[in-house]
Amino acid sequence: MRTIGREQMLDISVGGGFLGAGGGGSVREGAKLVDRILQFGTGVELASADEIDDEAWGAVIAGMGSPVASRSNPRTYSPTWAMETLAEAMGFEPAFVIPFETGAGNSLTPMQVAIQKNIPVVDGDPVGRAVPQIDMTTFHLGGIHISPLGLANEDRITALLRTESPYDMERVGRAIASELGGVAAIACYAMRGVDMKRHIIRDTTTLCEGIGAAIRTTRESGGDVAAALLERFDAYLLGRGTVAAVESGTRGGFDFGRVEVRGDVPLDVAFQNENMVATRDGTVLATVPDLICAVDGEGIPMTNADIVEGMEITYLGMAANPAFRSPEAFALFSRALDVLGFREDFVPIENLMGHD
């Protein structure tokens, strides 16, 4: 277990912003979130999965709603209120919290609970990237129930949801979040430490920190961030150029759209909050669950809510964690991909890019 402070949190946010693959929260908003966390202390305890007691109870903490809406509705206390709502209903004392996903915001959101409740945040998550729906996790695939779910906003409006299906939990939770201004905090997947250890993707927060530090030091030295990431991590160049067009709209609490990049290495990207499919001239180069990640001309990771026409941008692809690359994991994305008109089977990025 180690204590992480401002610099580590900022690196985690930047690295999480990259691994968020178009979602998970904006890096600029992540820096503000670090300030809100550190209102309550000087640091947060980051624990490896194995350092958590088998019989201790904890839960996943995340934001829910539109990334665009979250900019004008920042969270400070609502993640803790969501956890308290869940813990009170289930009769346990929270002993740890888990990030829902990697992202500039959602890698940090459980730290708000950790520092306010004086409990550790686990170094890991059930996704290894950002995803648009709360059932898209290794916890769900491993049989850990999402229900019940605690939900709260900054007005301390709270709700406890119980559903039989993950789809209903997502649908009802997002409807409530939409009514509450488009964004809320949630606590779900309550579990004991022993179950967390069986199904979590380990050390993803440390991975975010390493990527964030690489981005920071490369930018400080005036280097090419995309080139540095291609060199140091198992990444693929998908596209590089200027954003020629952005189509975006919010439906059902999700941001849907497409980004067209024209220039040295053209690319088209379709997204539902996160980047789902990358193509060039109709040829698929990468699909979920593999990662399609973007940095701007200054090397700052971009969410789809940040991208605007005329921006210089580079897209890199990375393989998802093996635990999240199964046919069952790909099936979790079927509804989102169907909305985007993609009905092909999953092919790993290394095969699509000719590096098998």
Protein backbone atom coordinates (compact mmCIF):
# COMPACT_ATOMS: atom_id res chain seq x y z
CA MET A 1 0.00 0.00 0.00
CA ARG A 2 1.28 3.47 -0.82
CA THR A 3 0.07 7.02 -0.44
CA ILE A 4 -0.47 8.95 -3.65
CA GLY A 5 -0.54 12.74 -3.75
CA ARG A 6 -1.13 15.49 -6.26
CA GLU A 7 1.51 14.61 -8.85
CA GLN A 8 0.56 10.93 -8.88
CA MET A 9 -3.15 11.78 -9.13
CA LEU A 10 -2.52 14.13 -12.03
CA ASP A 11 -0.49 11.47 -13.83
CA ILE A 12 -3.23 8.91 -13.16
CA SER A 13 -5.81 11.29 -14.58
CA VAL A 14 -3.79 11.94 -17.75
CA GLY A 15 -2.97 8.26 -18.26
CA GLY A 16 -6.57 7.36 -17.50
CA GLY A 17 -7.66 9.96 -20.02
CA PHE A 18 -5.61 8.15 -22.66
CA LEU A 19 -6.81 4.66 -21.70
CA GLY A 20 -10.36 6.02 -21.46
CA ALA A 21 -10.46 5.63 -25.25
CA GLY A 22 -12.65 8.66 -25.84
CA GLY A 23 -14.56 8.50 -22.54
CA GLY A 24 -13.98 8.27 -18.80
CA GLY A 25 -13.79 12.02 -18.28
CA SER A 26 -11.79 14.96 -19.58
CA VAL A 27 -8.16 15.51 -18.51
CA ARG A 28 -8.90 19.17 -17.86
CA GLU A 29 -11.83 18.22 -15.64
CA GLY A 30 -9.67 15.54 -14.02
CA ALA A 31 -7.22 18.20 -12.83
CA LYS A 32 -10.10 20.03 -11.17
CA LEU A 33 -11.22 16.75 -9.58
CA VAL A 34 -7.75 16.33 -8.04
CA ASP A 35 -8.25 19.72 -6.36
CA ARG A 36 -11.63 18.61 -5.01
CA ILE A 37 -10.14 15.37 -3.64
CA LEU A 38 -7.33 17.19 -1.89
CA GLN A 39 -9.76 19.51 -0.09
CA PHE A 40 -10.09 16.61 2.36
CA GLY A 41 -6.44 15.63 2.92
CA THR A 42 -2.97 15.35 1.45
CA GLY A 43 -3.20 11.94 -0.16
CA VAL A 44 -5.07 8.70 -0.76
CA GLU A 45 -4.03 5.14 0.06
CA LEU A 46 -3.65 2.96 -3.05
CA ALA A 47 -3.76 -0.76 -2.22
CA SER A 48 -2.99 -3.76 -4.37
CA ALA A 49 -5.82 -6.24 -4.66
CA ASP A 50 -3.94 -8.72 -2.46
CA GLU A 51 -3.66 -6.18 0.37
CA ILE A 52 -7.44 -6.15 0.84
CA ASP A 53 -8.82 -8.51 3.46
CA ASP A 54 -10.85 -11.37 2.00
CA GLU A 55 -13.82 -10.69 4.30
CA ALA A 56 -13.83 -6.88 3.91
CA TRP A 57 -16.64 -5.31 1.89
CA GLY A 58 -16.39 -2.62 -0.74
CA ALA A 59 -17.95 -1.48 -4.00
CA VAL A 60 -17.35 0.10 -7.37
CA ILE A 61 -17.67 3.90 -7.57
CA ALA A 62 -18.30 5.83 -10.79
CA GLY A 63 -20.03 8.70 -12.45
CA MET A 64 -23.06 8.04 -14.62
CA GLY A 65 -24.46 10.18 -17.41
CA SER A 66 -23.34 12.30 -20.31
CA PRO A 67 -19.66 13.38 -20.41
CA VAL A 68 -20.80 16.74 -21.76
CA ALA A 69 -23.19 17.27 -18.83
CA SER A 70 -20.51 16.37 -16.28
CA ARG A 71 -18.53 19.50 -17.16
CA SER A 72 -21.18 21.77 -15.66
CA ASN A 73 -22.15 19.40 -12.82
CA PRO A 74 -18.92 18.54 -10.96
CA ARG A 75 -19.08 15.89 -8.22
CA THR A 76 -17.65 16.41 -4.73
CA TYR A 77 -19.81 14.61 -2.16
CA SER A 78 -22.19 12.58 -4.32
CA PRO A 79 -19.85 9.56 -4.76
CA THR A 80 -19.64 9.20 -0.97
CA TRP A 81 -23.40 9.61 -0.59
CA ALA A 82 -23.94 6.93 -3.23
CA MET A 83 -21.64 4.55 -1.33
CA GLU A 84 -23.38 5.29 1.98
CA THR A 85 -26.76 4.62 0.38
CA LEU A 86 -25.59 1.23 -0.88
CA ALA A 87 -23.74 0.24 2.31
CA GLU A 88 -26.68 1.15 4.55
CA ALA A 89 -29.07 -0.91 2.44
CA MET A 90 -26.78 -3.95 2.49
CA GLY A 91 -25.61 -3.60 6.08
CA PHE A 92 -21.84 -3.37 5.63
CA GLU A 93 -19.13 -0.88 6.57
CA PRO A 94 -17.14 0.10 3.46
CA ALA A 95 -13.50 -0.98 3.72
CA PHE A 96 -12.32 -0.30 0.15
CA VAL A 97 -13.47 1.25 -3.12
CA ILE A 98 -12.80 0.22 -6.71
CA PRO A 99 -12.69 2.36 -9.87
CA PHE A 100 -15.32 1.36 -12.39
CA GLU A 101 -12.96 1.98 -15.31
CA THR A 102 -9.84 3.82 -16.39
CA GLY A 103 -10.50 7.44 -17.26
CA ALA A 104 -9.38 10.95 -16.42
CA GLY A 105 -12.41 11.24 -14.15
CA ASN A 106 -13.45 7.71 -13.24
CA SER A 107 -9.95 6.62 -12.19
CA LEU A 108 -10.15 9.41 -9.61
CA THR A 109 -13.82 9.36 -8.60
CA PRO A 110 -13.44 6.55 -6.02
CA MET A 111 -10.61 8.54 -4.45
CA GLN A 112 -13.23 11.07 -3.37
CA VAL A 113 -14.85 8.35 -1.30
CA ALA A 114 -11.50 6.96 -0.14
CA ILE A 115 -10.25 10.25 1.28
CA GLN A 116 -13.59 11.20 2.84
CA LYS A 117 -14.07 7.76 4.45
CA ASN A 118 -10.36 7.08 5.18
CA ILE A 119 -10.32 3.79 3.26
CA PRO A 120 -8.05 2.62 0.42
CA VAL A 121 -8.78 2.55 -3.29
CA VAL A 122 -7.85 -0.68 -5.04
CA ASP A 123 -5.20 -0.62 -7.78
CA GLY A 124 -7.33 -2.19 -10.49
CA ASP A 125 -10.74 -2.12 -12.12
CA PRO A 126 -13.10 -4.50 -13.92
CA VAL A 127 -12.59 -3.08 -17.43
CA GLY A 128 -9.04 -1.84 -18.09
CA ARG A 129 -10.44 0.96 -20.27
CA ALA A 130 -13.59 3.11 -20.25
CA VAL A 131 -16.96 1.73 -21.37
CA PRO A 132 -20.41 3.27 -21.86
CA GLN A 133 -22.49 0.80 -19.81
CA ILE A 134 -22.21 -0.50 -16.25
CA ASP A 135 -22.63 -4.17 -17.18
CA MET A 136 -19.54 -4.11 -19.44
CA THR A 137 -17.21 -5.49 -16.75
CA THR A 138 -15.32 -8.59 -15.68
CA PHE A 139 -17.36 -8.45 -12.45
CA HIS A 140 -20.57 -8.90 -14.42
CA LEU A 141 -18.99 -11.66 -16.50
CA GLY A 142 -17.85 -13.32 -13.25
CA GLY A 143 -21.35 -13.37 -11.77
CA ILE A 144 -21.09 -10.48 -9.29
CA HIS A 145 -24.41 -8.63 -9.24
CA ILE A 146 -24.71 -4.96 -10.10
CA SER A 147 -27.87 -4.77 -7.99
CA PRO A 148 -28.48 -3.08 -5.67
CA LEU A 149 -27.08 0.24 -6.82
CA GLY A 150 -26.79 3.47 -4.84
CA LEU A 151 -27.17 6.72 -6.77
CA ALA A 152 -26.73 10.33 -5.62
CA ASN A 153 -26.28 13.84 -6.91
CA GLU A 154 -24.78 16.97 -5.38
CA ASP A 155 -28.19 18.08 -4.05
CA ARG A 156 -28.10 14.90 -1.93
CA ILE A 157 -30.97 13.37 -3.81
CA THR A 158 -30.32 9.65 -3.39
CA ALA A 159 -31.89 6.48 -4.74
CA LEU A 160 -31.42 2.76 -4.24
CA LEU A 161 -32.16 0.66 -7.31
CA ARG A 162 -32.82 -3.07 -7.40
CA THR A 163 -33.32 -4.81 -10.74
CA GLU A 164 -33.16 -8.36 -12.05
CA SER A 165 -31.28 -7.47 -15.24
CA PRO A 166 -28.21 -5.28 -15.83
CA TYR A 167 -29.97 -3.75 -18.82
CA ASP A 168 -32.80 -2.50 -16.61
CA MET A 169 -30.29 -1.12 -14.09
CA GLU A 170 -28.55 0.82 -16.85
CA ARG A 171 -31.82 2.04 -18.36
CA VAL A 172 -33.41 3.18 -15.09
CA GLY A 173 -30.19 4.58 -13.63
CA ARG A 174 -29.55 6.71 -16.70
CA ALA A 175 -33.14 7.91 -16.72
CA ILE A 176 -32.72 9.13 -13.15
CA ALA A 177 -29.34 10.68 -13.93
CA SER A 178 -30.86 12.47 -16.92
CA GLU A 179 -33.60 13.88 -14.69
CA LEU A 180 -30.94 15.06 -12.23
CA GLY A 181 -29.21 17.26 -14.78
CA GLY A 182 -27.59 14.55 -16.88
CA VAL A 183 -25.08 13.27 -14.34
CA ALA A 184 -24.94 11.44 -11.00
CA ALA A 185 -22.60 9.29 -8.91
CA ILE A 186 -23.19 5.58 -8.40
CA ALA A 187 -21.99 2.79 -6.11
CA CYS A 188 -22.59 -0.77 -7.29
CA TYR A 189 -21.11 -4.28 -7.49
CA ALA A 190 -20.91 -4.59 -3.70
CA MET A 191 -18.55 -7.48 -2.90
CA ARG A 192 -16.13 -9.02 -0.46
CA GLY A 193 -12.40 -8.78 -0.97
CA VAL A 194 -12.13 -12.44 -1.92
CA ASP A 195 -14.54 -11.99 -4.84
CA MET A 196 -12.88 -8.77 -5.95
CA LYS A 197 -9.53 -10.60 -6.19
CA ARG A 198 -10.97 -13.31 -8.43
CA HIS A 199 -12.32 -10.97 -11.09
CA ILE A 200 -10.52 -7.60 -11.01
CA ILE A 201 -8.04 -6.52 -13.70
CA ARG A 202 -5.07 -5.69 -11.52
CA ASP A 203 -2.72 -2.70 -11.43
CA THR A 204 -4.60 -0.54 -13.92
CA THR A 205 -4.23 2.58 -11.77
CA THR A 206 -0.46 2.09 -11.74
CA LEU A 207 -0.59 1.62 -15.53
CA CYS A 208 -2.49 4.91 -15.84
CA GLU A 209 0.15 6.58 -13.67
CA GLY A 210 2.96 5.25 -15.87
CA ILE A 211 1.33 6.41 -19.10
CA GLY A 212 0.51 9.79 -17.55
CA ALA A 213 4.10 10.23 -16.38
CA ALA A 214 5.37 9.35 -19.86
CA ILE A 215 3.05 11.94 -21.40
CA ARG A 216 4.07 14.57 -18.83
CA THR A 217 7.83 14.10 -19.22
CA THR A 218 7.61 13.95 -23.02
CA ARG A 219 5.63 17.17 -23.14
CA GLU A 220 8.06 18.84 -20.71
CA SER A 221 10.98 17.93 -23.00
CA GLY A 222 9.16 19.10 -26.13
CA GLY A 223 8.92 15.60 -27.58
CA ASP A 224 6.26 13.88 -29.67
CA VAL A 225 3.81 12.26 -27.24
CA ALA A 226 2.29 9.90 -29.80
CA ALA A 227 5.75 8.70 -30.86
CA ALA A 228 6.75 8.18 -27.22
CA LEU A 229 3.65 6.10 -26.51
CA LEU A 230 4.19 4.03 -29.66
CA GLU A 231 7.76 3.36 -28.51
CA ARG A 232 7.12 2.60 -24.83
CA PHE A 233 3.77 0.81 -24.93
CA ASP A 234 2.22 -1.80 -27.21
CA ALA A 235 0.36 0.70 -29.37
CA TYR A 236 -0.52 1.06 -33.06
CA LEU A 237 -0.83 4.22 -35.14
CA LEU A 238 -4.42 4.35 -36.41
CA GLY A 239 -4.76 7.91 -37.68
CA ARG A 240 -3.10 11.32 -37.71
CA GLY A 241 -4.27 14.60 -39.17
CA THR A 242 -6.88 17.29 -38.74
CA VAL A 243 -10.42 16.78 -37.48
CA ALA A 244 -12.50 17.48 -40.57
CA ALA A 245 -15.93 16.81 -39.06
CA VAL A 246 -17.56 15.91 -35.75
CA GLU A 247 -21.11 14.59 -35.51
CA SER A 248 -22.42 14.32 -31.95
CA GLY A 249 -25.70 14.15 -30.08
CA THR A 250 -26.96 12.94 -26.70
CA ARG A 251 -29.60 10.20 -26.55
CA GLY A 252 -30.66 8.26 -23.47
CA GLY A 253 -27.78 9.62 -21.40
CA PHE A 254 -25.13 8.66 -23.99
CA ASP A 255 -23.10 10.79 -26.39
CA PHE A 256 -23.28 9.24 -29.89
CA GLY A 257 -21.34 10.40 -32.91
CA ARG A 258 -18.52 10.16 -35.42
CA VAL A 259 -15.17 11.89 -35.94
CA GLU A 260 -13.56 12.24 -39.37
CA VAL A 261 -9.80 12.79 -39.54
CA ARG A 262 -8.17 13.87 -42.78
CA GLY A 263 -4.48 14.37 -43.48
CA ASP A 264 -1.37 12.20 -43.24
CA VAL A 265 -3.21 9.10 -41.95
CA PRO A 266 -6.99 9.46 -42.47
CA LEU A 267 -9.40 7.78 -40.05
CA ASP A 268 -13.09 7.60 -39.22
CA VAL A 269 -14.14 6.85 -35.64
CA ALA A 270 -17.64 5.98 -34.39
CA PHE A 271 -18.37 6.38 -30.69
CA GLN A 272 -20.95 5.87 -27.96
CA ASN A 273 -19.32 7.93 -25.20
CA GLU A 274 -16.19 5.82 -25.87
CA ASN A 275 -14.66 5.01 -29.27
CA MET A 276 -16.24 1.87 -30.67
CA VAL A 277 -14.93 1.37 -34.21
CA ALA A 278 -12.07 2.87 -36.25
CA THR A 279 -12.08 2.54 -40.05
CA ARG A 280 -10.21 3.86 -43.07
CA ASP A 281 -11.91 3.78 -46.47
CA GLY A 282 -14.36 1.22 -45.11
CA THR A 283 -11.65 -1.10 -43.75
CA VAL A 284 -11.90 -1.85 -40.02
CA LEU A 285 -8.68 -1.11 -38.12
CA ALA A 286 -9.85 -1.53 -34.52
CA THR A 287 -13.01 -2.29 -32.57
CA VAL A 288 -14.02 -2.60 -28.95
CA PRO A 289 -13.06 -4.09 -26.59
CA ASP A 290 -9.63 -3.02 -27.94
CA LEU A 291 -8.80 0.62 -27.28
CA ILE A 292 -8.99 3.53 -29.74
CA CYS A 293 -7.26 6.45 -28.00
CA ALA A 294 -6.68 10.06 -29.07
CA VAL A 295 -4.19 12.81 -28.23
CA ASP A 296 -4.30 16.34 -29.59
CA GLY A 297 -1.47 18.27 -31.20
CA GLU A 298 -0.05 19.11 -27.75
CA GLY A 299 -0.10 15.48 -26.63
CA ILE A 300 -3.10 15.83 -24.31
CA PRO A 301 -5.51 12.85 -24.26
CA MET A 302 -8.89 13.74 -25.74
CA THR A 303 -12.37 12.55 -24.94
CA ASN A 304 -15.02 12.77 -27.62
CA ALA A 305 -16.57 15.65 -25.68
CA ASP A 306 -13.28 17.58 -26.16
CA ILE A 307 -12.80 17.06 -29.90
CA VAL A 308 -13.69 19.91 -32.26
CA GLU A 309 -13.29 20.53 -35.98
CA GLY A 310 -9.89 21.88 -37.02
CA MET A 311 -8.05 20.18 -34.13
CA GLU A 312 -4.80 18.37 -34.85
CA ILE A 313 -5.20 14.83 -33.57
CA THR A 314 -3.51 11.42 -33.47
CA TYR A 315 -5.34 8.16 -32.80
CA LEU A 316 -3.49 5.19 -31.31
CA GLY A 317 -4.84 1.68 -30.81
CA MET A 318 -4.04 -0.75 -28.00
CA ALA A 319 -5.09 -4.29 -27.20
CA ALA A 320 -7.54 -4.67 -24.34
CA ASN A 321 -6.53 -6.66 -21.28
CA PRO A 322 -6.83 -10.41 -22.06
CA ALA A 323 -9.47 -10.75 -19.33
CA PHE A 324 -11.68 -8.37 -21.32
CA ARG A 325 -11.09 -9.86 -24.78
CA SER A 326 -13.31 -12.91 -24.65
CA PRO A 327 -16.31 -13.53 -26.92
CA GLU A 328 -18.48 -12.89 -23.85
CA ALA A 329 -16.88 -9.47 -23.36
CA PHE A 330 -17.35 -8.55 -27.02
CA ALA A 331 -21.01 -9.58 -26.77
CA LEU A 332 -21.52 -6.90 -24.09
CA PHE A 333 -20.93 -4.29 -26.80
CA SER A 334 -23.38 -5.80 -29.29
CA ARG A 335 -26.23 -3.35 -28.58
CA ALA A 336 -23.96 -0.31 -28.86
CA LEU A 337 -22.33 -1.60 -32.04
CA ASP A 338 -25.71 -2.41 -33.57
CA VAL A 339 -26.84 1.20 -33.02
CA LEU A 340 -23.70 2.30 -34.89
CA GLY A 341 -24.42 -0.14 -37.74
CA PHE A 342 -21.49 -2.46 -36.99
CA ARG A 343 -22.39 -6.15 -37.11
CA GLU A 344 -19.08 -7.91 -37.65
CA ASP A 345 -17.27 -10.29 -35.32
CA PHE A 346 -14.41 -9.13 -33.10
CA VAL A 347 -10.95 -9.35 -34.64
CA PRO A 348 -7.96 -8.42 -32.43
CA ILE A 349 -6.20 -5.19 -33.32
CA GLU A 350 -2.89 -6.94 -33.94
CA ASN A 351 -4.57 -9.03 -36.65
CA LEU A 352 -6.38 -6.06 -38.18
CA MET A 353 -3.13 -4.04 -38.25
CA GLY A 354 -1.16 -6.95 -39.73
CA HIS A 355 1.01 -7.61 -36.67
CA ASP A 356 -0.23 -11.03 -35.62
